Amino acid sequence: MIAQRYLIVNADDFGQSPGINRGVIEAHENGIVTSASLMVRWPAAAEAAQYARGHPDLSVTVVRSRFHGGCSRSRSRG
């Protein structure tokens, strides 16, 4: 008997920006994305959460990061 395999495609950064949300939503509606990581402290999080509530077939993990923005550590070049 051959074991059945499943592919889970997760979209990171859902809620970070309207553009990222559009990409995640389009990929989900086309059957590519099956789960997403919702960045709740970013500007477009409310829009992403609203979509997720209306689409229970999209598995959503909530990410609550303390950091908002880029890396604060600079690199020095020698």
C-alpha atoms as a PDB file:
ATOM      1  CA  MET A   1       0.000   0.000   0.000  1.00  0.00           C
ATOM      2  CA  ILE A   2       1.364   3.415  -0.972  1.00  0.00           C
ATOM      3  CA  ALA A   3       1.156   6.098   1.706  1.00  0.00           C
ATOM      4  CA  GLN A   4      -0.753   9.178   0.668  1.00  0.00           C
ATOM      5  CA  ARG A   5       1.208  12.440   0.751  1.00  0.00           C
ATOM      6  CA  TYR A   6      -0.057  15.937   1.341  1.00  0.00           C
ATOM      7  CA  LEU A   7       1.524  19.261   0.487  1.00  0.00           C
ATOM      8  CA  ILE A   8       0.856  22.205   2.782  1.00  0.00           C
ATOM      9  CA  VAL A   9       1.725  25.569   1.242  1.00  0.00           C
ATOM     10  CA  ASN A  10       1.935  28.292   3.895  1.00  0.00           C
ATOM     11  CA  ALA A  11       1.943  32.001   3.052  1.00  0.00           C
ATOM     12  CA  ASP A  12       4.023  34.066   5.466  1.00  0.00           C
ATOM     13  CA  ASP A  13       3.413  37.744   6.303  1.00  0.00           C
ATOM     14  CA  PHE A  14      -0.374  37.758   5.721  1.00  0.00           C
ATOM     15  CA  GLY A  15      -1.487  41.149   7.059  1.00  0.00           C
ATOM     16  CA  GLN A  16       1.808  42.948   6.511  1.00  0.00           C
ATOM     17  CA  SER A  17       0.558  45.029   3.564  1.00  0.00           C
ATOM     18  CA  PRO A  18      -2.386  45.230   1.157  1.00  0.00           C
ATOM     19  CA  GLY A  19      -0.178  43.902  -1.649  1.00  0.00           C
ATOM     20  CA  ILE A  20       0.891  40.845   0.312  1.00  0.00           C
ATOM     21  CA  ASN A  21      -2.738  40.247   1.272  1.00  0.00           C
ATOM     22  CA  ARG A  22      -3.763  40.336  -2.404  1.00  0.00           C
ATOM     23  CA  GLY A  23      -1.104  37.762  -3.238  1.00  0.00           C
ATOM     24  CA  VAL A  24      -2.078  35.439  -0.387  1.00  0.00           C
ATOM     25  CA  ILE A  25      -5.784  35.740  -1.223  1.00  0.00           C
ATOM     26  CA  GLU A  26      -5.203  35.099  -4.926  1.00  0.00           C
ATOM     27  CA  ALA A  27      -3.010  32.077  -4.196  1.00  0.00           C
ATOM     28  CA  HIS A  28      -5.606  30.702  -1.759  1.00  0.00           C
ATOM     29  CA  GLU A  29      -8.502  31.219  -4.153  1.00  0.00           C
ATOM     30  CA  ASN A  30      -6.545  29.433  -6.890  1.00  0.00           C
ATOM     31  CA  GLY A  31      -5.963  26.426  -4.636  1.00  0.00           C
ATOM     32  CA  ILE A  32      -2.234  26.972  -4.069  1.00  0.00           C
ATOM     33  CA  VAL A  33      -2.063  28.280  -0.492  1.00  0.00           C
ATOM     34  CA  THR A  34      -3.663  26.156   2.220  1.00  0.00           C
ATOM     35  CA  SER A  35      -2.460  28.070   5.281  1.00  0.00           C
ATOM     36  CA  ALA A  36      -1.162  31.509   6.237  1.00  0.00           C
ATOM     37  CA  SER A  37       0.738  33.198   9.054  1.00  0.00           C
ATOM     38  CA  LEU A  38      -1.201  36.302  10.122  1.00  0.00           C
ATOM     39  CA  MET A  39       1.029  39.180  11.253  1.00  0.00           C
ATOM     40  CA  VAL A  40      -1.367  40.873  13.689  1.00  0.00           C
ATOM     41  CA  ARG A  41       0.715  43.983  14.432  1.00  0.00           C
ATOM     42  CA  TRP A  42       1.062  45.133  10.832  1.00  0.00           C
ATOM     43  CA  PRO A  43      -1.038  47.722   8.953  1.00  0.00           C
ATOM     44  CA  ALA A  44      -3.159  45.351   6.855  1.00  0.00           C
ATOM     45  CA  ALA A  45      -3.861  42.783   9.590  1.00  0.00           C
ATOM     46  CA  ALA A  46      -7.540  43.723   9.978  1.00  0.00           C
ATOM     47  CA  GLU A  47      -8.144  43.150   6.264  1.00  0.00           C
ATOM     48  CA  ALA A  48      -6.363  39.781   6.399  1.00  0.00           C
ATOM     49  CA  ALA A  49      -8.283  38.708   9.513  1.00  0.00           C
ATOM     50  CA  GLN A  50     -11.586  39.642   7.884  1.00  0.00           C
ATOM     51  CA  TYR A  51     -10.762  37.477   4.866  1.00  0.00           C
ATOM     52  CA  ALA A  52      -9.677  34.595   7.109  1.00  0.00           C
ATOM     53  CA  ARG A  53     -12.936  34.723   9.100  1.00  0.00           C
ATOM     54  CA  GLY A  54     -14.906  34.322   5.890  1.00  0.00           C
ATOM     55  CA  HIS A  55     -12.755  31.458   4.590  1.00  0.00           C
ATOM     56  CA  PRO A  56     -12.529  28.671   7.187  1.00  0.00           C
ATOM     57  CA  ASP A  57     -10.746  26.433   4.663  1.00  0.00           C
ATOM     58  CA  LEU A  58      -7.678  28.692   5.020  1.00  0.00           C
ATOM     59  CA  SER A  59      -5.760  27.549   8.094  1.00  0.00           C
ATOM     60  CA  VAL A  60      -4.380  30.635   9.869  1.00  0.00           C
ATOM     61  CA  THR A  61      -1.656  30.864  12.507  1.00  0.00           C
ATOM     62  CA  VAL A  62      -1.445  34.123  14.465  1.00  0.00           C
ATOM     63  CA  VAL A  63       2.034  35.646  14.755  1.00  0.00           C
ATOM     64  CA  ARG A  64       2.478  38.318  17.395  1.00  0.00           C
ATOM     65  CA  SER A  65       5.954  39.730  16.976  1.00  0.00           C
ATOM     66  CA  ARG A  66       7.452  42.398  19.214  1.00  0.00           C
ATOM     67  CA  PHE A  67       9.266  43.838  16.240  1.00  0.00           C
ATOM     68  CA  HIS A  68       7.721  45.998  13.568  1.00  0.00           C
ATOM     69  CA  GLY A  69       9.988  46.874  10.675  1.00  0.00           C
ATOM     70  CA  GLY A  70      13.429  45.936   9.488  1.00  0.00           C
ATOM     71  CA  CYS A  71      16.456  44.717  11.322  1.00  0.00           C
ATOM     72  CA  SER A  72      17.865  47.179  13.847  1.00  0.00           C
ATOM     73  CA  ARG A  73      21.362  45.728  13.743  1.00  0.00           C
ATOM     74  CA  SER A  74      23.712  47.366  11.279  1.00  0.00           C
ATOM     75  CA  ARG A  75      26.582  45.671   9.519  1.00  0.00           C
ATOM     76  CA  SER A  76      29.991  47.247   9.320  1.00  0.00           C
ATOM     77  CA  ARG A  77      32.101  46.649   6.267  1.00  0.00           C
ATOM     78  CA  GLY A  78      35.844  46.474   6.562  1.00  0.00           C
END
